[in-house]
Amino acid sequence: MENKDKLNNEINQDFSKNINNSGQTDDANKSKEQTYEVQNQETFTENSESDVSELIDEKQTEEKGEEEISEMEKLQNEINALKEEVNQWKDKFLRKMAEFENYKKRVAEDQLQLVKYSNEKLIKDLLPVIDDFERALTFSKEELKNNSVLQGVEMIYNKLMKILSDYGLKKIDAMNQPFDFNYHEALLQVPKDGVEPLTIIEEVEKGYLLNDKVIRHSKVIVASESSLQSSPNDNQNNNNEEVK
């Protein structure tokens, strides 16, 4: 009887142990399942966060690339605008340089002309004195031939003309020259046989040049166009009258 009770107790203990072990196994399995689910959830969360991070990075990269392209275009536009401005300033600079060179040439030419004709007023004021000298000499030569005083006056006149010639004074040729309004001033037209029309036949007042510039025109009398020789028809008419 006692043995039977011991056996039952052992069986009950073994059964209890099995039940406890079974419960512990179930708990362990449940714990493992929960751990796996947590791990899966964490893995999914990590993967999701990684995907989102990659998408954000890609988006940021695209935006950054677009910003860089936009910035490059902006810089290129600024460079083009600066180049255009440089070209405009360069063109203005070249124009100003050309104007300045022309200005320097004009100033140099004006200075040269100023030096060249600096004595123009003085010489023009002396021309009437020269005219009086020449008229006096012309009259004296007719009245006083071989006179020492006359010879002295001629020497003074020649010295004066030599000095003025050194300063650029020259007489304008007029007698028997074709009339040229650039150098001559016609006072009168007179018919004269055997002379081409508009030929100078008398010089009333001499003209002068100062370094190739006319400071006084020659006052002259020229042959008129009516001074031409008779035409062949006129000669024929005259011959017919003589025959009659």
C-alpha atoms as a PDB file:
ATOM      1  CA  MET A   1       0.000   0.000   0.000  1.00  0.00           C
ATOM      2  CA  GLU A   2       2.754   2.363   0.883  1.00  0.00           C
ATOM      3  CA  ASN A   3       4.584   1.475  -2.305  1.00  0.00           C
ATOM      4  CA  LYS A   4       1.510   2.258  -4.321  1.00  0.00           C
ATOM      5  CA  ASP A   5       1.183   5.642  -2.695  1.00  0.00           C
ATOM      6  CA  LYS A   6       4.844   6.437  -3.414  1.00  0.00           C
ATOM      7  CA  LEU A   7       4.355   5.459  -7.016  1.00  0.00           C
ATOM      8  CA  ASN A   8       1.324   7.709  -7.327  1.00  0.00           C
ATOM      9  CA  ASN A   9       3.183  10.560  -5.749  1.00  0.00           C
ATOM     10  CA  GLU A  10       6.072  10.128  -8.138  1.00  0.00           C
ATOM     11  CA  ILE A  11       3.700   9.992 -11.084  1.00  0.00           C
ATOM     12  CA  ASN A  12       1.968  13.131  -9.889  1.00  0.00           C
ATOM     13  CA  GLN A  13       5.272  14.876  -9.400  1.00  0.00           C
ATOM     14  CA  ASP A  14       6.429  13.871 -12.864  1.00  0.00           C
ATOM     15  CA  PHE A  15       3.168  15.049 -14.354  1.00  0.00           C
ATOM     16  CA  SER A  16       3.445  18.341 -12.504  1.00  0.00           C
ATOM     17  CA  LYS A  17       6.978  18.742 -13.753  1.00  0.00           C
ATOM     18  CA  ASN A  18       5.866  18.001 -17.279  1.00  0.00           C
ATOM     19  CA  ILE A  19       3.064  20.501 -16.962  1.00  0.00           C
ATOM     20  CA  ASN A  20       5.457  23.069 -15.562  1.00  0.00           C
ATOM     21  CA  ASN A  21       7.977  22.322 -18.265  1.00  0.00           C
ATOM     22  CA  SER A  22       5.254  22.558 -20.884  1.00  0.00           C
ATOM     23  CA  GLY A  23       4.149  25.918 -19.492  1.00  0.00           C
ATOM     24  CA  GLN A  24       7.674  27.149 -19.430  1.00  0.00           C
ATOM     25  CA  THR A  25       8.158  25.992 -23.033  1.00  0.00           C
ATOM     26  CA  ASP A  26       5.028  27.817 -24.133  1.00  0.00           C
ATOM     27  CA  ASP A  27       6.168  30.917 -22.330  1.00  0.00           C
ATOM     28  CA  ALA A  28       9.567  30.629 -23.945  1.00  0.00           C
ATOM     29  CA  ASN A  29       8.002  30.193 -27.369  1.00  0.00           C
ATOM     30  CA  LYS A  30       5.743  33.169 -26.816  1.00  0.00           C
ATOM     31  CA  SER A  31       8.699  35.201 -25.653  1.00  0.00           C
ATOM     32  CA  LYS A  32      10.653  34.181 -28.740  1.00  0.00           C
ATOM     33  CA  GLU A  33       7.738  35.082 -30.970  1.00  0.00           C
ATOM     34  CA  GLN A  34       7.411  38.472 -29.300  1.00  0.00           C
ATOM     35  CA  THR A  35      11.144  39.019 -29.596  1.00  0.00           C
ATOM     36  CA  TYR A  36      11.018  38.094 -33.299  1.00  0.00           C
ATOM     37  CA  GLU A  37       8.096  40.410 -33.879  1.00  0.00           C
ATOM     38  CA  VAL A  38       9.905  43.220 -32.096  1.00  0.00           C
ATOM     39  CA  GLN A  39      13.018  42.523 -34.121  1.00  0.00           C
ATOM     40  CA  ASN A  40      10.997  42.435 -37.328  1.00  0.00           C
ATOM     41  CA  GLN A  41       9.291  45.670 -36.381  1.00  0.00           C
ATOM     42  CA  GLU A  42      12.610  47.268 -35.527  1.00  0.00           C
ATOM     43  CA  THR A  43      14.084  45.992 -38.788  1.00  0.00           C
ATOM     44  CA  PHE A  44      11.090  47.325 -40.724  1.00  0.00           C
ATOM     45  CA  THR A  45      11.355  50.610 -38.895  1.00  0.00           C
ATOM     46  CA  GLU A  46      15.064  50.805 -39.641  1.00  0.00           C
ATOM     47  CA  ASN A  47      14.458  49.913 -43.294  1.00  0.00           C
ATOM     48  CA  SER A  48      11.665  52.466 -43.546  1.00  0.00           C
ATOM     49  CA  GLU A  49      13.797  55.131 -41.963  1.00  0.00           C
ATOM     50  CA  SER A  50      16.656  54.211 -44.301  1.00  0.00           C
ATOM     51  CA  ASP A  51      14.373  54.420 -47.354  1.00  0.00           C
ATOM     52  CA  VAL A  52      12.963  57.737 -46.207  1.00  0.00           C
ATOM     53  CA  SER A  53      16.471  59.011 -45.548  1.00  0.00           C
ATOM     54  CA  GLU A  54      17.577  57.908 -49.007  1.00  0.00           C
ATOM     55  CA  LEU A  55      14.563  59.603 -50.591  1.00  0.00           C
ATOM     56  CA  ILE A  56      15.285  62.759 -48.639  1.00  0.00           C
ATOM     57  CA  ASP A  57      18.931  62.604 -49.687  1.00  0.00           C
ATOM     58  CA  GLU A  58      17.953  62.096 -53.332  1.00  0.00           C
ATOM     59  CA  LYS A  59      15.484  64.972 -53.141  1.00  0.00           C
ATOM     60  CA  GLN A  60      18.058  67.191 -51.505  1.00  0.00           C
ATOM     61  CA  THR A  61      20.629  66.152 -54.117  1.00  0.00           C
ATOM     62  CA  GLU A  62      18.200  66.990 -56.934  1.00  0.00           C
ATOM     63  CA  GLU A  63      17.323  70.317 -55.356  1.00  0.00           C
ATOM     64  CA  LYS A  64      20.992  71.032 -54.782  1.00  0.00           C
ATOM     65  CA  GLY A  65      21.758  70.161 -58.407  1.00  0.00           C
ATOM     66  CA  GLU A  66      18.957  72.427 -59.613  1.00  0.00           C
ATOM     67  CA  GLU A  67      20.199  75.194 -57.334  1.00  0.00           C
ATOM     68  CA  GLU A  68      23.740  74.743 -58.659  1.00  0.00           C
ATOM     69  CA  ILE A  69      22.475  74.855 -62.260  1.00  0.00           C
ATOM     70  CA  SER A  70      20.408  77.933 -61.487  1.00  0.00           C
ATOM     71  CA  GLU A  71      23.392  79.526 -59.767  1.00  0.00           C
ATOM     72  CA  MET A  72      25.644  78.711 -62.743  1.00  0.00           C
ATOM     73  CA  GLU A  73      23.117  80.201 -65.161  1.00  0.00           C
ATOM     74  CA  LYS A  74      22.902  83.287 -62.979  1.00  0.00           C
ATOM     75  CA  LEU A  75      26.694  83.575 -62.895  1.00  0.00           C
ATOM     76  CA  GLN A  76      26.880  83.066 -66.672  1.00  0.00           C
ATOM     77  CA  ASN A  77      24.306  85.812 -67.204  1.00  0.00           C
ATOM     78  CA  GLU A  78      26.292  88.106 -64.938  1.00  0.00           C
ATOM     79  CA  ILE A  79      29.476  87.254 -66.865  1.00  0.00           C
ATOM     80  CA  ASN A  80      27.759  88.001 -70.186  1.00  0.00           C
ATOM     81  CA  ALA A  81      26.429  91.291 -68.814  1.00  0.00           C
ATOM     82  CA  LEU A  82      29.901  92.231 -67.570  1.00  0.00           C
ATOM     83  CA  LYS A  83      31.428  91.325 -70.942  1.00  0.00           C
ATOM     84  CA  GLU A  84      28.874  93.520 -72.692  1.00  0.00           C
ATOM     85  CA  GLU A  85      29.629  96.362 -70.296  1.00  0.00           C
ATOM     86  CA  VAL A  86      33.370  95.893 -70.855  1.00  0.00           C
ATOM     87  CA  ASN A  87      32.846  96.027 -74.632  1.00  0.00           C
ATOM     88  CA  GLN A  88      30.800  99.209 -74.273  1.00  0.00           C
ATOM     89  CA  TRP A  89      33.459 100.857 -72.118  1.00  0.00           C
ATOM     90  CA  LYS A  90      36.157  99.654 -74.500  1.00  0.00           C
ATOM     91  CA  ASP A  91      34.289 101.180 -77.445  1.00  0.00           C
ATOM     92  CA  LYS A  92      33.856 104.447 -75.532  1.00  0.00           C
ATOM     93  CA  PHE A  93      37.535 104.403 -74.598  1.00  0.00           C
ATOM     94  CA  LEU A  94      38.619 103.877 -78.208  1.00  0.00           C
ATOM     95  CA  ARG A  95      36.318 106.671 -79.361  1.00  0.00           C
ATOM     96  CA  LYS A  96      37.666 109.019 -76.705  1.00  0.00           C
ATOM     97  CA  MET A  97      41.220 108.076 -77.635  1.00  0.00           C
ATOM     98  CA  ALA A  98      40.490 108.816 -81.303  1.00  0.00           C
ATOM     99  CA  GLU A  99      38.868 112.125 -80.365  1.00  0.00           C
ATOM    100  CA  PHE A 100      41.839 112.980 -78.157  1.00  0.00           C
ATOM    101  CA  GLU A 101      44.292 112.149 -80.949  1.00  0.00           C
ATOM    102  CA  ASN A 102      42.316 114.349 -83.338  1.00  0.00           C
ATOM    103  CA  TYR A 103      42.250 117.070 -80.696  1.00  0.00           C
ATOM    104  CA  LYS A 104      46.031 116.864 -80.278  1.00  0.00           C
ATOM    105  CA  LYS A 105      46.476 117.081 -84.049  1.00  0.00           C
ATOM    106  CA  ARG A 106      44.190 120.115 -84.214  1.00  0.00           C
ATOM    107  CA  VAL A 107      46.030 121.794 -81.344  1.00  0.00           C
ATOM    108  CA  ALA A 108      49.398 121.057 -82.963  1.00  0.00           C
ATOM    109  CA  GLU A 109      48.121 122.391 -86.294  1.00  0.00           C
ATOM    110  CA  ASP A 110      46.698 125.494 -84.607  1.00  0.00           C
ATOM    111  CA  GLN A 111      49.990 126.097 -82.835  1.00  0.00           C
ATOM    112  CA  LEU A 112      51.870 125.643 -86.094  1.00  0.00           C
ATOM    113  CA  GLN A 113      49.535 128.049 -87.863  1.00  0.00           C
ATOM    114  CA  LEU A 114      49.836 130.493 -84.978  1.00  0.00           C
ATOM    115  CA  VAL A 115      53.618 130.460 -85.225  1.00  0.00           C
ATOM    116  CA  LYS A 116      53.547 130.468 -89.011  1.00  0.00           C
ATOM    117  CA  TYR A 117      51.234 133.470 -89.249  1.00  0.00           C
ATOM    118  CA  SER A 118      52.078 135.206 -85.981  1.00  0.00           C
ATOM    119  CA  ASN A 119      53.420 138.228 -87.902  1.00  0.00           C
ATOM    120  CA  GLU A 120      50.484 138.449 -90.303  1.00  0.00           C
ATOM    121  CA  LYS A 121      48.903 141.561 -88.789  1.00  0.00           C
ATOM    122  CA  LEU A 122      52.221 143.414 -88.606  1.00  0.00           C
ATOM    123  CA  ILE A 123      53.097 142.581 -92.204  1.00  0.00           C
ATOM    124  CA  LYS A 124      49.617 143.524 -93.439  1.00  0.00           C
ATOM    125  CA  ASP A 125      49.997 146.877 -91.699  1.00  0.00           C
ATOM    126  CA  LEU A 126      53.335 147.361 -93.487  1.00  0.00           C
ATOM    127  CA  LEU A 127      51.919 146.712 -96.963  1.00  0.00           C
ATOM    128  CA  PRO A 128      50.645 150.300 -97.471  1.00  0.00           C
ATOM    129  CA  VAL A 129      54.120 151.546 -96.478  1.00  0.00           C
ATOM    130  CA  ILE A 130      55.643 149.247 -99.098  1.00  0.00           C
ATOM    131  CA  ASP A 131      53.167 150.626-101.654  1.00  0.00           C
ATOM    132  CA  ASP A 132      54.272 154.164-100.817  1.00  0.00           C
ATOM    133  CA  PHE A 133      57.915 153.111-101.098  1.00  0.00           C
ATOM    134  CA  GLU A 134      57.335 151.654-104.552  1.00  0.00           C
ATOM    135  CA  ARG A 135      55.357 154.663-105.813  1.00  0.00           C
ATOM    136  CA  ALA A 136      58.060 157.007-104.536  1.00  0.00           C
ATOM    137  CA  LEU A 137      60.789 154.962-106.205  1.00  0.00           C
ATOM    138  CA  THR A 138      58.871 154.825-109.484  1.00  0.00           C
ATOM    139  CA  PHE A 139      58.395 158.600-109.502  1.00  0.00           C
ATOM    140  CA  SER A 140      61.994 159.281-108.381  1.00  0.00           C
ATOM    141  CA  LYS A 141      63.467 157.082-111.105  1.00  0.00           C
ATOM    142  CA  GLU A 142      61.754 159.227-113.689  1.00  0.00           C
ATOM    143  CA  GLU A 143      62.801 162.508-112.078  1.00  0.00           C
ATOM    144  CA  LEU A 144      66.117 161.682-110.410  1.00  0.00           C
ATOM    145  CA  LYS A 145      68.281 159.373-112.470  1.00  0.00           C
ATOM    146  CA  ASN A 146      71.599 158.198-111.019  1.00  0.00           C
ATOM    147  CA  ASN A 147      70.914 160.052-107.780  1.00  0.00           C
ATOM    148  CA  SER A 148      72.785 158.803-104.700  1.00  0.00           C
ATOM    149  CA  VAL A 149      69.815 159.508-102.430  1.00  0.00           C
ATOM    150  CA  LEU A 150      67.596 157.466-104.715  1.00  0.00           C
ATOM    151  CA  GLN A 151      70.102 154.631-104.660  1.00  0.00           C
ATOM    152  CA  GLY A 152      70.144 154.732-100.843  1.00  0.00           C
ATOM    153  CA  VAL A 153      66.347 154.585-100.720  1.00  0.00           C
ATOM    154  CA  GLU A 154      66.398 151.615-103.097  1.00  0.00           C
ATOM    155  CA  MET A 155      68.872 149.832-100.825  1.00  0.00           C
ATOM    156  CA  ILE A 156      66.624 150.446 -97.807  1.00  0.00           C
ATOM    157  CA  TYR A 157      63.626 149.163 -99.755  1.00  0.00           C
ATOM    158  CA  ASN A 158      65.482 146.029-100.854  1.00  0.00           C
ATOM    159  CA  LYS A 159      66.618 145.325 -97.281  1.00  0.00           C
ATOM    160  CA  LEU A 160      63.068 145.700 -96.023  1.00  0.00           C
ATOM    161  CA  MET A 161      61.705 143.350 -98.682  1.00  0.00           C
ATOM    162  CA  LYS A 162      64.490 140.840 -97.943  1.00  0.00           C
ATOM    163  CA  ILE A 163      63.563 140.798 -94.245  1.00  0.00           C
ATOM    164  CA  LEU A 164      59.866 140.408 -95.025  1.00  0.00           C
ATOM    165  CA  SER A 165      60.685 137.679 -97.530  1.00  0.00           C
ATOM    166  CA  ASP A 166      62.552 135.789 -94.804  1.00  0.00           C
ATOM    167  CA  TYR A 167      59.326 135.883 -92.780  1.00  0.00           C
ATOM    168  CA  GLY A 168      57.386 134.348 -95.687  1.00  0.00           C
ATOM    169  CA  LEU A 169      56.144 137.367 -97.651  1.00  0.00           C
ATOM    170  CA  LYS A 170      55.895 136.868-101.429  1.00  0.00           C
ATOM    171  CA  LYS A 171      54.433 138.920-104.265  1.00  0.00           C
ATOM    172  CA  ILE A 172      51.607 137.474-106.339  1.00  0.00           C
ATOM    173  CA  ASP A 173      52.329 137.285-110.055  1.00  0.00           C
ATOM    174  CA  ALA A 174      49.620 139.132-111.918  1.00  0.00           C
ATOM    175  CA  MET A 175      50.699 140.808-115.171  1.00  0.00           C
ATOM    176  CA  ASN A 176      49.757 138.821-118.293  1.00  0.00           C
ATOM    177  CA  GLN A 177      48.468 135.964-116.122  1.00  0.00           C
ATOM    178  CA  PRO A 178      45.011 134.403-116.475  1.00  0.00           C
ATOM    179  CA  PHE A 179      42.618 135.842-113.936  1.00  0.00           C
ATOM    180  CA  ASP A 180      42.298 133.663-110.813  1.00  0.00           C
ATOM    181  CA  PHE A 181      39.792 134.774-108.193  1.00  0.00           C
ATOM    182  CA  ASN A 182      41.854 132.969-105.536  1.00  0.00           C
ATOM    183  CA  TYR A 183      44.653 135.510-105.999  1.00  0.00           C
ATOM    184  CA  HIS A 184      43.233 138.410-107.989  1.00  0.00           C
ATOM    185  CA  GLU A 185      40.507 140.988-107.561  1.00  0.00           C
ATOM    186  CA  ALA A 186      39.174 142.411-110.835  1.00  0.00           C
ATOM    187  CA  LEU A 187      38.427 146.121-110.720  1.00  0.00           C
ATOM    188  CA  LEU A 188      37.592 146.563-114.378  1.00  0.00           C
ATOM    189  CA  GLN A 189      37.268 144.732-117.702  1.00  0.00           C
ATOM    190  CA  VAL A 190      38.667 146.493-120.741  1.00  0.00           C
ATOM    191  CA  PRO A 191      38.628 145.314-124.372  1.00  0.00           C
ATOM    192  CA  LYS A 192      42.104 144.885-125.792  1.00  0.00           C
ATOM    193  CA  ASP A 193      43.052 143.495-129.176  1.00  0.00           C
ATOM    194  CA  GLY A 194      45.354 140.523-129.364  1.00  0.00           C
ATOM    195  CA  VAL A 195      44.793 139.522-125.740  1.00  0.00           C
ATOM    196  CA  GLU A 196      42.860 136.518-124.537  1.00  0.00           C
ATOM    197  CA  PRO A 197      39.768 137.380-122.511  1.00  0.00           C
ATOM    198  CA  LEU A 198      40.171 137.391-118.719  1.00  0.00           C
ATOM    199  CA  THR A 199      43.895 138.000-119.057  1.00  0.00           C
ATOM    200  CA  ILE A 200      45.341 140.570-116.652  1.00  0.00           C
ATOM    201  CA  ILE A 201      46.490 143.604-118.595  1.00  0.00           C
ATOM    202  CA  GLU A 202      47.216 145.973-115.707  1.00  0.00           C
ATOM    203  CA  GLU A 203      48.040 145.673-111.989  1.00  0.00           C
ATOM    204  CA  VAL A 204      46.621 148.524-109.931  1.00  0.00           C
ATOM    205  CA  GLU A 205      47.762 147.249-106.530  1.00  0.00           C
ATOM    206  CA  LYS A 206      50.111 144.369-105.819  1.00  0.00           C
ATOM    207  CA  GLY A 207      48.941 141.323-103.939  1.00  0.00           C
ATOM    208  CA  TYR A 208      50.943 139.349-101.403  1.00  0.00           C
ATOM    209  CA  LEU A 209      51.195 135.850 -99.954  1.00  0.00           C
ATOM    210  CA  LEU A 210      52.355 135.006 -96.457  1.00  0.00           C
ATOM    211  CA  ASN A 211      53.524 131.392 -96.360  1.00  0.00           C
ATOM    212  CA  ASP A 212      51.139 130.454 -99.199  1.00  0.00           C
ATOM    213  CA  LYS A 213      48.235 132.305 -97.578  1.00  0.00           C
ATOM    214  CA  VAL A 214      46.776 135.270 -99.426  1.00  0.00           C
ATOM    215  CA  ILE A 215      46.907 138.296 -97.154  1.00  0.00           C
ATOM    216  CA  ARG A 216      46.007 140.738 -99.930  1.00  0.00           C
ATOM    217  CA  HIS A 217      44.574 140.036-103.375  1.00  0.00           C
ATOM    218  CA  SER A 218      46.063 141.735-106.403  1.00  0.00           C
ATOM    219  CA  LYS A 219      43.783 144.477-107.698  1.00  0.00           C
ATOM    220  CA  VAL A 220      43.850 144.175-111.474  1.00  0.00           C
ATOM    221  CA  ILE A 221      42.253 145.139-114.761  1.00  0.00           C
ATOM    222  CA  VAL A 222      41.482 142.265-117.129  1.00  0.00           C
ATOM    223  CA  ALA A 223      40.725 141.974-120.815  1.00  0.00           C
ATOM    224  CA  SER A 224      37.045 141.526-121.524  1.00  0.00           C
ATOM    225  CA  GLU A 225      35.589 138.772-123.691  1.00  0.00           C
ATOM    226  CA  SER A 226      34.645 141.287-126.367  1.00  0.00           C
ATOM    227  CA  SER A 227      38.335 141.803-127.057  1.00  0.00           C
ATOM    228  CA  LEU A 228      38.485 138.613-129.148  1.00  0.00           C
ATOM    229  CA  GLN A 229      39.543 138.945-132.725  1.00  0.00           C
ATOM    230  CA  SER A 230      36.811 139.289-135.320  1.00  0.00           C
ATOM    231  CA  SER A 231      35.082 136.091-136.268  1.00  0.00           C
ATOM    232  CA  PRO A 232      35.411 134.588-139.805  1.00  0.00           C
ATOM    233  CA  ASN A 233      31.872 135.762-140.645  1.00  0.00           C
ATOM    234  CA  ASP A 234      32.800 139.348-139.762  1.00  0.00           C
ATOM    235  CA  ASN A 235      35.906 139.125-141.972  1.00  0.00           C
ATOM    236  CA  GLN A 236      33.823 137.771-144.860  1.00  0.00           C
ATOM    237  CA  ASN A 237      31.320 140.608-144.506  1.00  0.00           C
ATOM    238  CA  ASN A 238      34.145 143.133-144.543  1.00  0.00           C
ATOM    239  CA  ASN A 239      35.581 141.571-147.705  1.00  0.00           C
ATOM    240  CA  ASN A 240      32.178 141.700-149.415  1.00  0.00           C
ATOM    241  CA  GLU A 241      31.866 145.381-148.572  1.00  0.00           C
ATOM    242  CA  GLU A 242      35.312 146.068-150.058  1.00  0.00           C
ATOM    243  CA  VAL A 243      34.354 144.252-153.306  1.00  0.00           C
ATOM    244  CA  LYS A 244      31.269 146.393-153.663  1.00  0.00           C
END
